[in-house]
Amino acid sequence: MITLTFVMVTCVISYLAFTRQDLVIKLAHHPYSEVNNGQYYRLLTAGFVHGSWGHLFVNMFVLYQFGDIAERLFGQIFGLSIGQFMFVAFYLSAIMIANLGTFLKHKANPGFRSVGASGVTSALVFIYVLFAPWEMFIFPPVPAILFAVLYLLYSTWASKNSHDNVDHMAHLFGGIYGILFVFVTYPEVIRLFTRRFIDGWPL
């Protein structure tokens, strides 16, 4: 299972980083170093490092739950082999795309750093929403489509106004990328989403 492999690799690297601050500094998303030192690998490696056990647990819980769903969906849509390749390509590219917003915003700011897989987990959640818009989330207990709308609105607001050291822009970019990736690679999802959205409309 590819999802479980990503979870295990992320847990190992994050665990090592908990005891080695130099590893965090080397792997973190740091736009200033990416631009001035050519260290663009950070756009990817930051997704495998976390700042705390709580941060790691939440992201890995979401990754395991929604990554497994997306991995199986890709296999059904594209066939097992191609689906696995597509899932790996999606996962790795989502980490980098999710970091582009803060890359552009903070490329002249040497004080900004971020770590974590929140951007790609956001992308995975939004893939789920496309295929099951009216399924209820366990937490918060709201329909998936309502969560998606509120999440995008909050992330947009927070990326401009919040000062809580959370990379809300990565959440926003990741969620949007998840939607666009499926639209481009599987346009049929537009018809499926529309039909399921209308059929489930609570009227």
N, C-alpha and C. Protein backbone atom coordinates (compact mmCIF):
# COMPACT_ATOMS: atom_id res chain seq x y z
N MET A 1 0.85 -1.19 0.00
CA MET A 1 0.00 0.00 0.00
C MET A 1 0.89 1.25 0.00
N ILE A 2 0.72 2.08 -1.01
CA ILE A 2 1.57 3.26 -1.16
C ILE A 2 1.32 4.26 -0.04
N THR A 3 0.06 4.43 0.32
CA THR A 3 -0.27 5.38 1.39
C THR A 3 0.45 5.02 2.67
N LEU A 4 0.44 3.75 3.04
CA LEU A 4 1.11 3.32 4.26
C LEU A 4 2.61 3.56 4.17
N THR A 5 3.18 3.39 2.98
CA THR A 5 4.60 3.66 2.79
C THR A 5 4.92 5.12 3.04
N PHE A 6 4.09 6.02 2.51
CA PHE A 6 4.29 7.46 2.74
C PHE A 6 4.17 7.79 4.23
N VAL A 7 3.22 7.16 4.90
CA VAL A 7 3.05 7.38 6.34
C VAL A 7 4.31 6.95 7.09
N MET A 8 4.81 5.77 6.78
CA MET A 8 5.98 5.24 7.47
C MET A 8 7.23 6.09 7.21
N VAL A 9 7.45 6.46 5.96
CA VAL A 9 8.62 7.28 5.62
C VAL A 9 8.55 8.63 6.33
N THR A 10 7.36 9.23 6.33
CA THR A 10 7.19 10.53 6.99
C THR A 10 7.40 10.43 8.49
N CYS A 11 6.91 9.36 9.09
CA CYS A 11 7.09 9.18 10.53
C CYS A 11 8.57 9.01 10.89
N VAL A 12 9.30 8.24 10.10
CA VAL A 12 10.71 8.02 10.37
C VAL A 12 11.51 9.32 10.25
N ILE A 13 11.29 10.04 9.16
CA ILE A 13 12.04 11.30 8.96
C ILE A 13 11.66 12.32 10.02
N SER A 14 10.37 12.42 10.33
CA SER A 14 9.93 13.37 11.35
C SER A 14 10.52 13.02 12.72
N TYR A 15 10.54 11.73 13.05
CA TYR A 15 11.10 11.30 14.33
C TYR A 15 12.58 11.69 14.42
N LEU A 16 13.31 11.46 13.35
CA LEU A 16 14.73 11.84 13.34
C LEU A 16 14.89 13.35 13.51
N ALA A 17 13.98 14.09 12.89
CA ALA A 17 14.06 15.55 12.96
C ALA A 17 13.72 16.08 14.36
N PHE A 18 12.92 15.33 15.13
CA PHE A 18 12.58 15.77 16.48
C PHE A 18 13.82 15.89 17.36
N THR A 19 14.81 15.07 17.09
CA THR A 19 16.02 15.08 17.91
C THR A 19 17.21 15.74 17.21
N ARG A 20 17.00 16.17 15.99
CA ARG A 20 18.08 16.80 15.23
C ARG A 20 17.59 18.10 14.59
N GLN A 21 17.79 19.20 15.27
CA GLN A 21 17.34 20.48 14.76
C GLN A 21 18.01 20.83 13.44
N ASP A 22 19.24 20.35 13.24
CA ASP A 22 19.94 20.62 11.99
C ASP A 22 19.22 19.99 10.81
N LEU A 23 18.56 18.85 11.05
CA LEU A 23 17.82 18.18 9.99
C LEU A 23 16.57 18.98 9.61
N VAL A 24 15.91 19.54 10.62
CA VAL A 24 14.74 20.40 10.35
C VAL A 24 15.17 21.59 9.51
N ILE A 25 16.26 22.23 9.92
CA ILE A 25 16.73 23.41 9.19
C ILE A 25 17.10 23.06 7.75
N LYS A 26 17.65 21.89 7.55
CA LYS A 26 18.10 21.48 6.22
C LYS A 26 16.93 21.12 5.31
N LEU A 27 15.86 20.54 5.87
CA LEU A 27 14.77 20.02 5.05
C LEU A 27 13.55 20.94 4.97
N ALA A 28 13.43 21.90 5.86
CA ALA A 28 12.24 22.75 5.92
C ALA A 28 12.07 23.59 4.65
N HIS A 29 10.82 23.91 4.38
CA HIS A 29 10.50 24.86 3.30
C HIS A 29 10.99 26.23 3.73
N HIS A 30 11.98 26.77 3.02
CA HIS A 30 12.59 28.06 3.35
C HIS A 30 12.77 28.82 2.05
N PRO A 31 11.76 29.57 1.64
CA PRO A 31 11.78 30.24 0.34
C PRO A 31 13.04 31.05 0.09
N TYR A 32 13.57 31.70 1.11
CA TYR A 32 14.76 32.52 0.94
C TYR A 32 15.94 31.67 0.47
N SER A 33 16.13 30.49 1.06
CA SER A 33 17.22 29.60 0.66
C SER A 33 16.94 28.98 -0.71
N GLU A 34 15.69 28.73 -0.99
CA GLU A 34 15.32 28.14 -2.28
C GLU A 34 15.68 29.08 -3.42
N VAL A 35 15.42 30.35 -3.22
CA VAL A 35 15.69 31.34 -4.26
C VAL A 35 17.18 31.68 -4.32
N ASN A 36 17.77 31.96 -3.17
CA ASN A 36 19.13 32.49 -3.16
C ASN A 36 20.22 31.41 -3.19
N ASN A 37 19.89 30.20 -2.76
CA ASN A 37 20.88 29.13 -2.74
C ASN A 37 20.51 27.97 -3.68
N GLY A 38 19.42 28.12 -4.40
CA GLY A 38 19.01 27.08 -5.32
C GLY A 38 18.55 25.79 -4.65
N GLN A 39 18.12 25.86 -3.39
CA GLN A 39 17.74 24.67 -2.65
C GLN A 39 16.24 24.36 -2.84
N TYR A 40 15.87 24.14 -4.08
CA TYR A 40 14.45 23.92 -4.38
C TYR A 40 13.95 22.56 -3.91
N TYR A 41 14.88 21.68 -3.54
CA TYR A 41 14.46 20.38 -3.00
C TYR A 41 13.59 20.56 -1.75
N ARG A 42 13.76 21.70 -1.07
CA ARG A 42 13.01 21.97 0.16
C ARG A 42 11.50 22.00 -0.07
N LEU A 43 11.09 22.38 -1.28
CA LEU A 43 9.66 22.41 -1.59
C LEU A 43 9.04 21.02 -1.41
N LEU A 44 9.84 19.99 -1.60
CA LEU A 44 9.37 18.61 -1.44
C LEU A 44 9.70 18.04 -0.06
N THR A 45 10.93 18.21 0.39
CA THR A 45 11.34 17.56 1.65
C THR A 45 10.57 18.08 2.86
N ALA A 46 10.09 19.31 2.81
CA ALA A 46 9.35 19.87 3.94
C ALA A 46 8.10 19.05 4.27
N GLY A 47 7.56 18.36 3.27
CA GLY A 47 6.36 17.56 3.49
C GLY A 47 6.59 16.30 4.27
N PHE A 48 7.86 15.97 4.54
CA PHE A 48 8.18 14.76 5.29
C PHE A 48 8.71 15.06 6.68
N VAL A 49 8.66 16.33 7.08
CA VAL A 49 9.15 16.76 8.38
C VAL A 49 8.01 17.46 9.13
N HIS A 50 7.93 17.24 10.45
CA HIS A 50 6.88 17.88 11.25
C HIS A 50 7.48 18.50 12.49
N GLY A 51 6.76 19.46 13.03
CA GLY A 51 7.29 20.24 14.14
C GLY A 51 7.04 19.66 15.52
N SER A 52 6.09 18.70 15.63
CA SER A 52 5.76 18.12 16.93
C SER A 52 5.03 16.79 16.72
N TRP A 53 4.89 16.04 17.82
CA TRP A 53 4.16 14.78 17.74
C TRP A 53 2.70 15.01 17.36
N GLY A 54 2.10 16.08 17.92
CA GLY A 54 0.72 16.38 17.61
C GLY A 54 0.54 16.72 16.14
N HIS A 55 1.43 17.53 15.61
CA HIS A 55 1.41 17.92 14.21
C HIS A 55 1.53 16.68 13.32
N LEU A 56 2.45 15.79 13.68
CA LEU A 56 2.66 14.57 12.92
C LEU A 56 1.44 13.66 12.99
N PHE A 57 0.89 13.48 14.18
CA PHE A 57 -0.25 12.56 14.36
C PHE A 57 -1.45 13.00 13.54
N VAL A 58 -1.79 14.28 13.61
CA VAL A 58 -2.96 14.77 12.88
C VAL A 58 -2.79 14.56 11.38
N ASN A 59 -1.62 14.95 10.85
CA ASN A 59 -1.40 14.81 9.41
C ASN A 59 -1.36 13.36 8.97
N MET A 60 -0.76 12.49 9.77
CA MET A 60 -0.68 11.08 9.39
C MET A 60 -2.04 10.40 9.51
N PHE A 61 -2.85 10.81 10.45
CA PHE A 61 -4.21 10.27 10.57
C PHE A 61 -5.03 10.61 9.33
N VAL A 62 -4.96 11.88 8.93
CA VAL A 62 -5.69 12.32 7.73
C VAL A 62 -5.13 11.65 6.49
N LEU A 63 -3.79 11.56 6.41
CA LEU A 63 -3.16 10.92 5.25
C LEU A 63 -3.58 9.46 5.13
N TYR A 64 -3.54 8.73 6.24
CA TYR A 64 -3.89 7.31 6.19
C TYR A 64 -5.35 7.12 5.77
N GLN A 65 -6.24 7.96 6.30
CA GLN A 65 -7.67 7.82 6.02
C GLN A 65 -8.00 8.21 4.59
N PHE A 66 -7.62 9.41 4.19
CA PHE A 66 -8.02 9.91 2.88
C PHE A 66 -7.05 9.50 1.78
N GLY A 67 -5.79 9.25 2.13
CA GLY A 67 -4.84 8.76 1.14
C GLY A 67 -5.23 7.39 0.64
N ASP A 68 -5.68 6.53 1.54
CA ASP A 68 -6.11 5.19 1.14
C ASP A 68 -7.30 5.26 0.19
N ILE A 69 -8.23 6.17 0.48
CA ILE A 69 -9.39 6.34 -0.40
C ILE A 69 -8.96 6.81 -1.78
N ALA A 70 -8.09 7.84 -1.83
CA ALA A 70 -7.62 8.37 -3.11
C ALA A 70 -6.83 7.33 -3.88
N GLU A 71 -6.00 6.57 -3.18
CA GLU A 71 -5.19 5.54 -3.84
C GLU A 71 -6.10 4.50 -4.51
N ARG A 72 -7.15 4.08 -3.81
CA ARG A 72 -8.08 3.10 -4.39
C ARG A 72 -8.87 3.70 -5.55
N LEU A 73 -9.25 4.97 -5.43
CA LEU A 73 -9.96 5.64 -6.51
C LEU A 73 -9.10 5.72 -7.77
N PHE A 74 -7.84 6.08 -7.60
CA PHE A 74 -6.93 6.16 -8.75
C PHE A 74 -6.79 4.80 -9.41
N GLY A 75 -6.73 3.74 -8.60
CA GLY A 75 -6.62 2.40 -9.15
C GLY A 75 -7.85 2.01 -9.95
N GLN A 76 -9.03 2.40 -9.47
CA GLN A 76 -10.28 2.11 -10.18
C GLN A 76 -10.39 2.89 -11.47
N ILE A 77 -9.92 4.13 -11.45
CA ILE A 77 -10.07 5.00 -12.61
C ILE A 77 -9.04 4.68 -13.70
N PHE A 78 -7.78 4.52 -13.31
CA PHE A 78 -6.70 4.39 -14.28
C PHE A 78 -6.16 2.96 -14.43
N GLY A 79 -6.65 2.03 -13.63
CA GLY A 79 -6.05 0.71 -13.61
C GLY A 79 -4.99 0.66 -12.51
N LEU A 80 -4.68 -0.53 -12.01
CA LEU A 80 -3.82 -0.65 -10.84
C LEU A 80 -2.44 -0.04 -11.03
N SER A 81 -1.71 -0.44 -12.08
CA SER A 81 -0.33 0.04 -12.26
C SER A 81 -0.27 1.54 -12.52
N ILE A 82 -1.05 1.99 -13.50
CA ILE A 82 -1.05 3.42 -13.82
C ILE A 82 -1.61 4.22 -12.65
N GLY A 83 -2.61 3.66 -11.98
CA GLY A 83 -3.19 4.35 -10.84
C GLY A 83 -2.19 4.56 -9.73
N GLN A 84 -1.34 3.55 -9.48
CA GLN A 84 -0.30 3.70 -8.46
C GLN A 84 0.70 4.78 -8.85
N PHE A 85 1.09 4.78 -10.13
CA PHE A 85 2.01 5.81 -10.61
C PHE A 85 1.38 7.19 -10.46
N MET A 86 0.11 7.31 -10.83
CA MET A 86 -0.59 8.60 -10.75
C MET A 86 -0.69 9.08 -9.31
N PHE A 87 -0.92 8.14 -8.41
CA PHE A 87 -1.05 8.52 -7.00
C PHE A 87 0.28 9.03 -6.45
N VAL A 88 1.37 8.35 -6.78
CA VAL A 88 2.68 8.81 -6.32
C VAL A 88 3.00 10.18 -6.91
N ALA A 89 2.73 10.35 -8.22
CA ALA A 89 2.98 11.63 -8.88
C ALA A 89 2.14 12.73 -8.25
N PHE A 90 0.89 12.40 -7.98
CA PHE A 90 0.01 13.39 -7.34
C PHE A 90 0.52 13.76 -5.96
N TYR A 91 0.86 12.78 -5.15
CA TYR A 91 1.28 13.04 -3.77
C TYR A 91 2.51 13.95 -3.72
N LEU A 92 3.52 13.59 -4.47
CA LEU A 92 4.77 14.37 -4.44
C LEU A 92 4.58 15.76 -5.03
N SER A 93 3.82 15.85 -6.11
CA SER A 93 3.60 17.17 -6.71
C SER A 93 2.72 18.04 -5.82
N ALA A 94 1.78 17.43 -5.09
CA ALA A 94 0.91 18.21 -4.21
C ALA A 94 1.68 18.86 -3.08
N ILE A 95 2.69 18.15 -2.56
CA ILE A 95 3.52 18.77 -1.52
C ILE A 95 4.16 20.04 -2.05
N MET A 96 4.72 19.98 -3.25
CA MET A 96 5.42 21.13 -3.81
C MET A 96 4.47 22.25 -4.22
N ILE A 97 3.37 21.89 -4.87
CA ILE A 97 2.41 22.92 -5.30
C ILE A 97 1.83 23.64 -4.09
N ALA A 98 1.56 22.90 -3.02
CA ALA A 98 1.00 23.52 -1.82
C ALA A 98 1.95 24.56 -1.23
N ASN A 99 3.24 24.40 -1.45
CA ASN A 99 4.23 25.34 -0.91
C ASN A 99 4.49 26.54 -1.82
N LEU A 100 3.89 26.55 -3.00
CA LEU A 100 4.18 27.64 -3.94
C LEU A 100 3.69 29.00 -3.45
N GLY A 101 2.55 29.01 -2.77
CA GLY A 101 2.02 30.29 -2.29
C GLY A 101 2.98 30.99 -1.35
N THR A 102 3.46 30.25 -0.36
CA THR A 102 4.40 30.86 0.58
C THR A 102 5.77 31.06 -0.04
N PHE A 103 6.10 30.27 -1.05
CA PHE A 103 7.34 30.50 -1.79
C PHE A 103 7.32 31.88 -2.42
N LEU A 104 6.24 32.21 -3.09
CA LEU A 104 6.13 33.51 -3.74
C LEU A 104 6.01 34.65 -2.74
N LYS A 105 5.32 34.40 -1.64
CA LYS A 105 5.08 35.45 -0.65
C LYS A 105 6.31 35.75 0.20
N HIS A 106 7.10 34.71 0.51
CA HIS A 106 8.19 34.87 1.48
C HIS A 106 9.59 34.67 0.89
N LYS A 107 9.73 34.73 -0.43
CA LYS A 107 11.04 34.46 -1.01
C LYS A 107 12.10 35.50 -0.63
N ALA A 108 11.68 36.65 -0.14
CA ALA A 108 12.65 37.65 0.31
C ALA A 108 12.68 37.75 1.83
N ASN A 109 12.06 36.78 2.51
CA ASN A 109 11.96 36.80 3.96
C ASN A 109 12.78 35.67 4.57
N PRO A 110 13.98 35.93 5.06
CA PRO A 110 14.84 34.87 5.61
C PRO A 110 14.28 34.27 6.90
N GLY A 111 13.30 34.90 7.51
CA GLY A 111 12.77 34.42 8.78
C GLY A 111 11.63 33.42 8.65
N PHE A 112 11.16 33.18 7.43
CA PHE A 112 10.02 32.27 7.27
C PHE A 112 10.48 30.85 6.98
N ARG A 113 9.94 29.89 7.73
CA ARG A 113 10.13 28.47 7.48
C ARG A 113 8.82 27.74 7.75
N SER A 114 8.62 26.64 7.08
CA SER A 114 7.45 25.82 7.38
C SER A 114 7.76 24.36 7.10
N VAL A 115 7.08 23.48 7.84
CA VAL A 115 7.23 22.03 7.64
C VAL A 115 5.85 21.39 7.73
N GLY A 116 5.75 20.17 7.23
CA GLY A 116 4.52 19.42 7.40
C GLY A 116 3.86 19.02 6.10
N ALA A 117 2.99 18.01 6.22
CA ALA A 117 2.27 17.46 5.06
C ALA A 117 0.85 18.00 4.96
N SER A 118 0.58 19.11 5.61
CA SER A 118 -0.79 19.64 5.63
C SER A 118 -1.30 19.99 4.24
N GLY A 119 -0.43 20.45 3.37
CA GLY A 119 -0.86 20.82 2.03
C GLY A 119 -1.36 19.63 1.24
N VAL A 120 -0.62 18.53 1.28
CA VAL A 120 -1.02 17.35 0.53
C VAL A 120 -2.21 16.66 1.18
N THR A 121 -2.30 16.67 2.52
CA THR A 121 -3.47 16.07 3.15
C THR A 121 -4.72 16.88 2.82
N SER A 122 -4.58 18.19 2.71
CA SER A 122 -5.69 19.02 2.27
C SER A 122 -6.14 18.63 0.86
N ALA A 123 -5.18 18.39 -0.01
CA ALA A 123 -5.49 17.98 -1.38
C ALA A 123 -6.24 16.65 -1.40
N LEU A 124 -5.85 15.72 -0.54
CA LEU A 124 -6.50 14.42 -0.48
C LEU A 124 -7.94 14.54 0.03
N VAL A 125 -8.15 15.39 1.00
CA VAL A 125 -9.51 15.61 1.51
C VAL A 125 -10.41 16.14 0.41
N PHE A 126 -9.90 17.04 -0.40
CA PHE A 126 -10.73 17.64 -1.45
C PHE A 126 -11.02 16.66 -2.59
N ILE A 127 -10.12 15.72 -2.82
CA ILE A 127 -10.42 14.65 -3.78
C ILE A 127 -11.61 13.84 -3.27
N TYR A 128 -11.60 13.54 -1.99
CA TYR A 128 -12.72 12.81 -1.40
C TYR A 128 -14.03 13.57 -1.58
N VAL A 129 -13.97 14.87 -1.37
CA VAL A 129 -15.17 15.71 -1.50
C VAL A 129 -15.74 15.64 -2.91
N LEU A 130 -14.87 15.59 -3.92
CA LEU A 130 -15.35 15.52 -5.30
C LEU A 130 -16.17 14.26 -5.56
N PHE A 131 -15.79 13.16 -4.95
CA PHE A 131 -16.46 11.89 -5.21
C PHE A 131 -17.59 11.59 -4.22
N ALA A 132 -17.59 12.25 -3.07
CA ALA A 132 -18.62 11.99 -2.06
C ALA A 132 -19.03 13.29 -1.38
N PRO A 133 -19.63 14.23 -2.13
CA PRO A 133 -19.88 15.57 -1.60
C PRO A 133 -20.81 15.63 -0.39
N TRP A 134 -21.71 14.66 -0.25
CA TRP A 134 -22.67 14.73 0.85
C TRP A 134 -22.39 13.74 1.98
N GLU A 135 -21.26 13.04 1.91
CA GLU A 135 -20.90 12.17 3.02
C GLU A 135 -20.58 13.03 4.26
N MET A 136 -20.98 12.53 5.41
CA MET A 136 -20.75 13.28 6.65
C MET A 136 -19.34 13.04 7.17
N PHE A 137 -18.66 14.11 7.52
CA PHE A 137 -17.38 13.99 8.19
C PHE A 137 -17.63 13.61 9.65
N ILE A 138 -16.70 12.86 10.22
CA ILE A 138 -16.81 12.54 11.64
C ILE A 138 -16.52 13.80 12.47
N PHE A 139 -15.48 14.51 12.07
CA PHE A 139 -15.17 15.78 12.74
C PHE A 139 -14.60 16.75 11.73
N PRO A 140 -15.25 17.91 11.59
CA PRO A 140 -16.52 18.27 12.23
C PRO A 140 -17.69 17.52 11.59
N PRO A 141 -18.79 17.32 12.32
CA PRO A 141 -19.92 16.54 11.81
C PRO A 141 -20.78 17.32 10.81
N VAL A 142 -20.22 17.58 9.65
CA VAL A 142 -20.92 18.33 8.59
C VAL A 142 -20.71 17.60 7.27
N PRO A 143 -21.57 17.85 6.27
CA PRO A 143 -21.36 17.23 4.95
C PRO A 143 -20.02 17.66 4.36
N ALA A 144 -19.40 16.77 3.59
CA ALA A 144 -18.08 17.03 3.02
C ALA A 144 -18.04 18.32 2.21
N ILE A 145 -19.08 18.57 1.41
CA ILE A 145 -19.09 19.75 0.55
C ILE A 145 -19.14 21.04 1.37
N LEU A 146 -19.88 21.02 2.48
CA LEU A 146 -19.94 22.19 3.34
C LEU A 146 -18.59 22.43 4.00
N PHE A 147 -17.97 21.35 4.45
CA PHE A 147 -16.63 21.48 5.03
C PHE A 147 -15.67 22.09 4.03
N ALA A 148 -15.73 21.64 2.77
CA ALA A 148 -14.82 22.12 1.74
C ALA A 148 -14.96 23.62 1.53
N VAL A 149 -16.20 24.08 1.42
CA VAL A 149 -16.44 25.51 1.19
C VAL A 149 -15.95 26.33 2.37
N LEU A 150 -16.30 25.91 3.58
CA LEU A 150 -15.89 26.66 4.77
C LEU A 150 -14.37 26.64 4.94
N TYR A 151 -13.77 25.51 4.62
CA TYR A 151 -12.32 25.36 4.75
C TYR A 151 -11.58 26.28 3.79
N LEU A 152 -12.06 26.35 2.56
CA LEU A 152 -11.43 27.24 1.58
C LEU A 152 -11.59 28.70 1.98
N LEU A 153 -12.78 29.06 2.45
CA LEU A 153 -13.02 30.44 2.88
C LEU A 153 -12.12 30.80 4.06
N TYR A 154 -12.03 29.90 5.03
CA TYR A 154 -11.21 30.18 6.20
C TYR A 154 -9.73 30.26 5.83
N SER A 155 -9.27 29.31 5.01
CA SER A 155 -7.86 29.30 4.62
C SER A 155 -7.49 30.56 3.84
N THR A 156 -8.41 31.03 2.99
CA THR A 156 -8.18 32.26 2.25
C THR A 156 -8.04 33.44 3.20
N TRP A 157 -8.97 33.51 4.16
CA TRP A 157 -8.93 34.60 5.14
C TRP A 157 -7.67 34.51 6.01
N ALA A 158 -7.41 33.32 6.54
CA ALA A 158 -6.31 33.14 7.47
C ALA A 158 -4.95 33.38 6.82
N SER A 159 -4.82 33.05 5.52
CA SER A 159 -3.54 33.26 4.84
C SER A 159 -3.19 34.73 4.75
N LYS A 160 -4.20 35.59 4.87
CA LYS A 160 -3.97 37.03 4.78
C LYS A 160 -3.97 37.72 6.14
N ASN A 161 -4.68 37.13 7.11
CA ASN A 161 -4.90 37.84 8.36
C ASN A 161 -4.37 37.16 9.61
N SER A 162 -4.14 35.85 9.55
CA SER A 162 -3.75 35.13 10.76
C SER A 162 -2.26 35.24 11.01
N HIS A 163 -1.89 35.21 12.30
CA HIS A 163 -0.48 35.26 12.69
C HIS A 163 -0.19 34.13 13.68
N ASP A 164 -0.74 32.91 13.40
CA ASP A 164 -0.62 31.79 14.33
C ASP A 164 0.46 30.80 13.95
N ASN A 165 1.34 31.14 13.01
CA ASN A 165 2.45 30.29 12.58
C ASN A 165 2.01 29.00 11.88
N VAL A 166 0.76 28.97 11.41
CA VAL A 166 0.26 27.85 10.62
C VAL A 166 0.26 28.28 9.15
N ASP A 167 0.75 27.41 8.28
CA ASP A 167 0.84 27.75 6.86
C ASP A 167 -0.52 27.54 6.18
N HIS A 168 -1.43 28.47 6.42
CA HIS A 168 -2.78 28.36 5.87
C HIS A 168 -2.77 28.42 4.35
N MET A 169 -1.80 29.10 3.79
CA MET A 169 -1.72 29.21 2.34
C MET A 169 -1.44 27.84 1.71
N ALA A 170 -0.67 27.00 2.40
CA ALA A 170 -0.41 25.65 1.90
C ALA A 170 -1.70 24.83 1.90
N HIS A 171 -2.54 25.02 2.91
CA HIS A 171 -3.83 24.33 2.95
C HIS A 171 -4.68 24.75 1.76
N LEU A 172 -4.69 26.05 1.49
CA LEU A 172 -5.49 26.59 0.39
C LEU A 172 -4.99 26.08 -0.96
N PHE A 173 -3.69 26.20 -1.20
CA PHE A 173 -3.12 25.76 -2.46
C PHE A 173 -3.25 24.25 -2.64
N GLY A 174 -3.07 23.51 -1.55
CA GLY A 174 -3.21 22.06 -1.62
C GLY A 174 -4.62 21.64 -1.98
N GLY A 175 -5.62 22.24 -1.33
CA GLY A 175 -7.01 21.90 -1.62
C GLY A 175 -7.39 22.18 -3.06
N ILE A 176 -7.00 23.33 -3.55
CA ILE A 176 -7.30 23.71 -4.93
C ILE A 176 -6.59 22.77 -5.91
N TYR A 177 -5.34 22.42 -5.59
CA TYR A 177 -4.59 21.53 -6.47
C TYR A 177 -5.23 20.15 -6.55
N GLY A 178 -5.73 19.66 -5.42
CA GLY A 178 -6.39 18.37 -5.41
C GLY A 178 -7.57 18.34 -6.38
N ILE A 179 -8.35 19.41 -6.38
CA ILE A 179 -9.50 19.52 -7.28
C ILE A 179 -9.04 19.58 -8.74
N LEU A 180 -8.07 20.45 -9.02
CA LEU A 180 -7.61 20.64 -10.40
C LEU A 180 -6.95 19.38 -10.96
N PHE A 181 -6.19 18.68 -10.13
CA PHE A 181 -5.50 17.48 -10.60
C PHE A 181 -6.51 16.45 -11.10
N VAL A 182 -7.58 16.25 -10.35
CA VAL A 182 -8.59 15.27 -10.77
C VAL A 182 -9.36 15.77 -11.98
N PHE A 183 -9.68 17.06 -12.01
CA PHE A 183 -10.39 17.61 -13.17
C PHE A 183 -9.60 17.38 -14.46
N VAL A 184 -8.29 17.59 -14.40
CA VAL A 184 -7.45 17.48 -15.59
C VAL A 184 -7.24 16.02 -16.00
N THR A 185 -6.97 15.16 -15.04
CA THR A 185 -6.65 13.76 -15.36
C THR A 185 -7.89 12.89 -15.53
N TYR A 186 -9.01 13.32 -14.98
CA TYR A 186 -10.24 12.53 -15.06
C TYR A 186 -11.44 13.48 -15.18
N PRO A 187 -11.62 14.11 -16.35
CA PRO A 187 -12.70 15.10 -16.54
C PRO A 187 -14.09 14.56 -16.23
N GLU A 188 -14.27 13.25 -16.31
CA GLU A 188 -15.56 12.63 -16.03
C GLU A 188 -16.04 12.95 -14.61
N VAL A 189 -15.10 13.31 -13.73
CA VAL A 189 -15.47 13.60 -12.35
C VAL A 189 -16.40 14.81 -12.27
N ILE A 190 -16.33 15.70 -13.24
CA ILE A 190 -17.21 16.87 -13.23
C ILE A 190 -18.67 16.43 -13.33
N ARG A 191 -18.94 15.48 -14.24
CA ARG A 191 -20.30 14.96 -14.38
C ARG A 191 -20.72 14.18 -13.15
N LEU A 192 -19.80 13.35 -12.62
CA LEU A 192 -20.12 12.56 -11.44
C LEU A 192 -20.41 13.44 -10.24
N PHE A 193 -19.57 14.46 -10.05
CA PHE A 193 -19.77 15.37 -8.92
C PHE A 193 -21.10 16.10 -9.05
N THR A 194 -21.39 16.59 -10.25
CA THR A 194 -22.64 17.33 -10.47
C THR A 194 -23.85 16.46 -10.17
N ARG A 195 -23.81 15.22 -10.65
CA ARG A 195 -24.94 14.30 -10.43
C ARG A 195 -25.09 13.98 -8.94
N ARG A 196 -23.99 13.68 -8.27
CA ARG A 196 -24.07 13.33 -6.86
C ARG A 196 -24.43 14.52 -5.99
N PHE A 197 -24.00 15.70 -6.43
CA PHE A 197 -24.34 16.92 -5.68
C PHE A 197 -25.84 17.18 -5.78
N ILE A 198 -26.38 17.08 -6.99
CA ILE A 198 -27.82 17.32 -7.19
C ILE A 198 -28.65 16.25 -6.52
N ASP A 199 -28.25 14.98 -6.67
CA ASP A 199 -29.02 13.88 -6.09
C ASP A 199 -29.05 13.95 -4.57
N GLY A 200 -28.00 14.49 -3.99
CA GLY A 200 -27.93 14.53 -2.53
C GLY A 200 -28.39 15.83 -1.92
N TRP A 201 -28.80 16.78 -2.77
CA TRP A 201 -29.21 18.10 -2.26
C TRP A 201 -30.37 17.93 -1.28
N PRO A 202 -30.22 18.42 -0.04
CA PRO A 202 -31.22 18.16 1.00
C PRO A 202 -32.47 19.03 0.89
N LEU A 203 -33.29 18.77 -0.12
CA LEU A 203 -34.55 19.50 -0.28
C LEU A 203 -35.72 18.54 -0.21
